[in-house]
């Protein structure tokens, strides 16, 4: 199984932004795929997928500084509306 896991990791290395293990077992990663079918194949080929409880969250990440600037702009606009009212 470990050899299959290592081969899987090599095969999908370019898609990982982060590949980590927890000290007490298990692991996690951040991956990017061009479309859903490629992500599905990634999971189908994961050597431990049929033997482990995989908890998958698909979340969209945006750059933190850009999100903070948008948030600040929204707060400023809401504050201006409140003052005008």
C-alpha atoms as a PDB file:
ATOM      1  CA  UNK A   1       0.000   0.000   0.000  1.00  0.00           C
ATOM      2  CA  UNK A   2       2.797   2.433   0.780  1.00  0.00           C
ATOM      3  CA  UNK A   3       4.349   1.891  -2.655  1.00  0.00           C
ATOM      4  CA  UNK A   4       0.967   2.574  -4.270  1.00  0.00           C
ATOM      5  CA  UNK A   5       0.596   5.699  -2.137  1.00  0.00           C
ATOM      6  CA  UNK A   6       4.026   6.957  -3.154  1.00  0.00           C
ATOM      7  CA  UNK A   7       3.278   6.320  -6.848  1.00  0.00           C
ATOM      8  CA  UNK A   8      -0.059   8.149  -6.501  1.00  0.00           C
ATOM      9  CA  UNK A   9       1.717  11.093  -4.855  1.00  0.00           C
ATOM     10  CA  UNK A  10       4.220  11.299  -7.725  1.00  0.00           C
ATOM     11  CA  UNK A  11       1.436  11.036 -10.319  1.00  0.00           C
ATOM     12  CA  UNK A  12      -0.534  13.922  -8.770  1.00  0.00           C
ATOM     13  CA  UNK A  13       2.332  16.024  -7.342  1.00  0.00           C
ATOM     14  CA  UNK A  14       1.753  18.924  -9.744  1.00  0.00           C
ATOM     15  CA  UNK A  15      -1.835  19.340  -8.495  1.00  0.00           C
ATOM     16  CA  UNK A  16      -0.898  19.742  -4.814  1.00  0.00           C
ATOM     17  CA  UNK A  17      -0.381  23.153  -3.254  1.00  0.00           C
ATOM     18  CA  UNK A  18      -0.030  21.485   0.131  1.00  0.00           C
ATOM     19  CA  UNK A  19       0.530  17.846   1.096  1.00  0.00           C
ATOM     20  CA  UNK A  20       0.685  17.203   4.841  1.00  0.00           C
ATOM     21  CA  UNK A  21       0.306  14.560   7.517  1.00  0.00           C
ATOM     22  CA  UNK A  22      -1.036  14.928  11.052  1.00  0.00           C
ATOM     23  CA  UNK A  23       1.253  13.847  13.888  1.00  0.00           C
ATOM     24  CA  UNK A  24      -1.414  11.481  15.264  1.00  0.00           C
ATOM     25  CA  UNK A  25      -2.256   9.936  11.879  1.00  0.00           C
ATOM     26  CA  UNK A  26      -4.041  10.860   8.697  1.00  0.00           C
ATOM     27  CA  UNK A  27      -3.315  13.784   6.487  1.00  0.00           C
ATOM     28  CA  UNK A  28      -4.623  16.539   4.313  1.00  0.00           C
ATOM     29  CA  UNK A  29      -3.838  18.548   1.238  1.00  0.00           C
ATOM     30  CA  UNK A  30      -4.866  21.413  -0.954  1.00  0.00           C
ATOM     31  CA  UNK A  31      -5.214  20.463  -4.615  1.00  0.00           C
ATOM     32  CA  UNK A  32      -6.113  22.185  -7.853  1.00  0.00           C
ATOM     33  CA  UNK A  33      -7.695  20.414 -10.816  1.00  0.00           C
ATOM     34  CA  UNK A  34      -8.946  21.835 -14.106  1.00  0.00           C
ATOM     35  CA  UNK A  35     -12.338  20.160 -13.801  1.00  0.00           C
ATOM     36  CA  UNK A  36     -14.425  17.800 -11.694  1.00  0.00           C
ATOM     37  CA  UNK A  37     -13.710  14.603 -13.638  1.00  0.00           C
ATOM     38  CA  UNK A  38      -9.980  14.981 -12.996  1.00  0.00           C
ATOM     39  CA  UNK A  39     -10.695  15.445  -9.285  1.00  0.00           C
ATOM     40  CA  UNK A  40     -12.917  12.350  -9.326  1.00  0.00           C
ATOM     41  CA  UNK A  41     -10.129  10.258 -10.884  1.00  0.00           C
ATOM     42  CA  UNK A  42      -7.728  11.597  -8.234  1.00  0.00           C
ATOM     43  CA  UNK A  43     -10.017  10.183  -5.524  1.00  0.00           C
ATOM     44  CA  UNK A  44     -10.697   6.931  -7.365  1.00  0.00           C
ATOM     45  CA  UNK A  45      -6.967   6.289  -7.668  1.00  0.00           C
ATOM     46  CA  UNK A  46      -6.185   7.198  -4.043  1.00  0.00           C
ATOM     47  CA  UNK A  47      -4.842   3.886  -2.662  1.00  0.00           C
ATOM     48  CA  UNK A  48      -6.552   4.208   0.724  1.00  0.00           C
ATOM     49  CA  UNK A  49      -9.908   5.512  -0.515  1.00  0.00           C
ATOM     50  CA  UNK A  50     -11.715   2.214   0.030  1.00  0.00           C
ATOM     51  CA  UNK A  51     -10.095   1.586   3.416  1.00  0.00           C
ATOM     52  CA  UNK A  52     -10.307   4.938   5.133  1.00  0.00           C
ATOM     53  CA  UNK A  53     -12.886   7.498   6.125  1.00  0.00           C
ATOM     54  CA  UNK A  54     -12.075  10.349   3.781  1.00  0.00           C
ATOM     55  CA  UNK A  55     -13.706  13.627   4.673  1.00  0.00           C
ATOM     56  CA  UNK A  56     -13.646  15.938   1.690  1.00  0.00           C
ATOM     57  CA  UNK A  57     -14.418  19.624   1.726  1.00  0.00           C
ATOM     58  CA  UNK A  58     -14.357  21.433  -1.584  1.00  0.00           C
ATOM     59  CA  UNK A  59     -13.869  25.100  -0.816  1.00  0.00           C
ATOM     60  CA  UNK A  60     -12.998  28.043  -3.025  1.00  0.00           C
ATOM     61  CA  UNK A  61      -9.997  30.034  -1.855  1.00  0.00           C
ATOM     62  CA  UNK A  62      -9.361  33.642  -2.795  1.00  0.00           C
ATOM     63  CA  UNK A  63      -6.301  35.753  -1.986  1.00  0.00           C
ATOM     64  CA  UNK A  64      -6.622  37.073   1.557  1.00  0.00           C
ATOM     65  CA  UNK A  65      -5.495  40.625   0.785  1.00  0.00           C
ATOM     66  CA  UNK A  66      -8.035  40.961  -2.038  1.00  0.00           C
ATOM     67  CA  UNK A  67     -10.825  39.603   0.172  1.00  0.00           C
ATOM     68  CA  UNK A  68      -9.864  41.981   2.969  1.00  0.00           C
ATOM     69  CA  UNK A  69      -9.920  44.937   0.564  1.00  0.00           C
ATOM     70  CA  UNK A  70     -13.394  43.924  -0.656  1.00  0.00           C
ATOM     71  CA  UNK A  71     -14.598  43.584   2.921  1.00  0.00           C
ATOM     72  CA  UNK A  72     -13.196  46.995   3.838  1.00  0.00           C
ATOM     73  CA  UNK A  73     -14.883  48.530   0.774  1.00  0.00           C
ATOM     74  CA  UNK A  74     -18.213  46.986   1.738  1.00  0.00           C
ATOM     75  CA  UNK A  75     -17.960  48.251   5.330  1.00  0.00           C
ATOM     76  CA  UNK A  76     -17.094  51.738   4.078  1.00  0.00           C
ATOM     77  CA  UNK A  77     -20.066  51.754   1.694  1.00  0.00           C
ATOM     78  CA  UNK A  78     -22.446  50.513   4.402  1.00  0.00           C
ATOM     79  CA  UNK A  79     -21.149  53.155   6.818  1.00  0.00           C
ATOM     80  CA  UNK A  80     -21.700  55.889   4.224  1.00  0.00           C
ATOM     81  CA  UNK A  81     -25.242  54.638   3.597  1.00  0.00           C
ATOM     82  CA  UNK A  82     -25.988  54.640   7.316  1.00  0.00           C
ATOM     83  CA  UNK A  83     -24.742  58.227   7.684  1.00  0.00           C
ATOM     84  CA  UNK A  84     -26.784  59.355   4.666  1.00  0.00           C
ATOM     85  CA  UNK A  85     -29.958  57.777   6.056  1.00  0.00           C
END
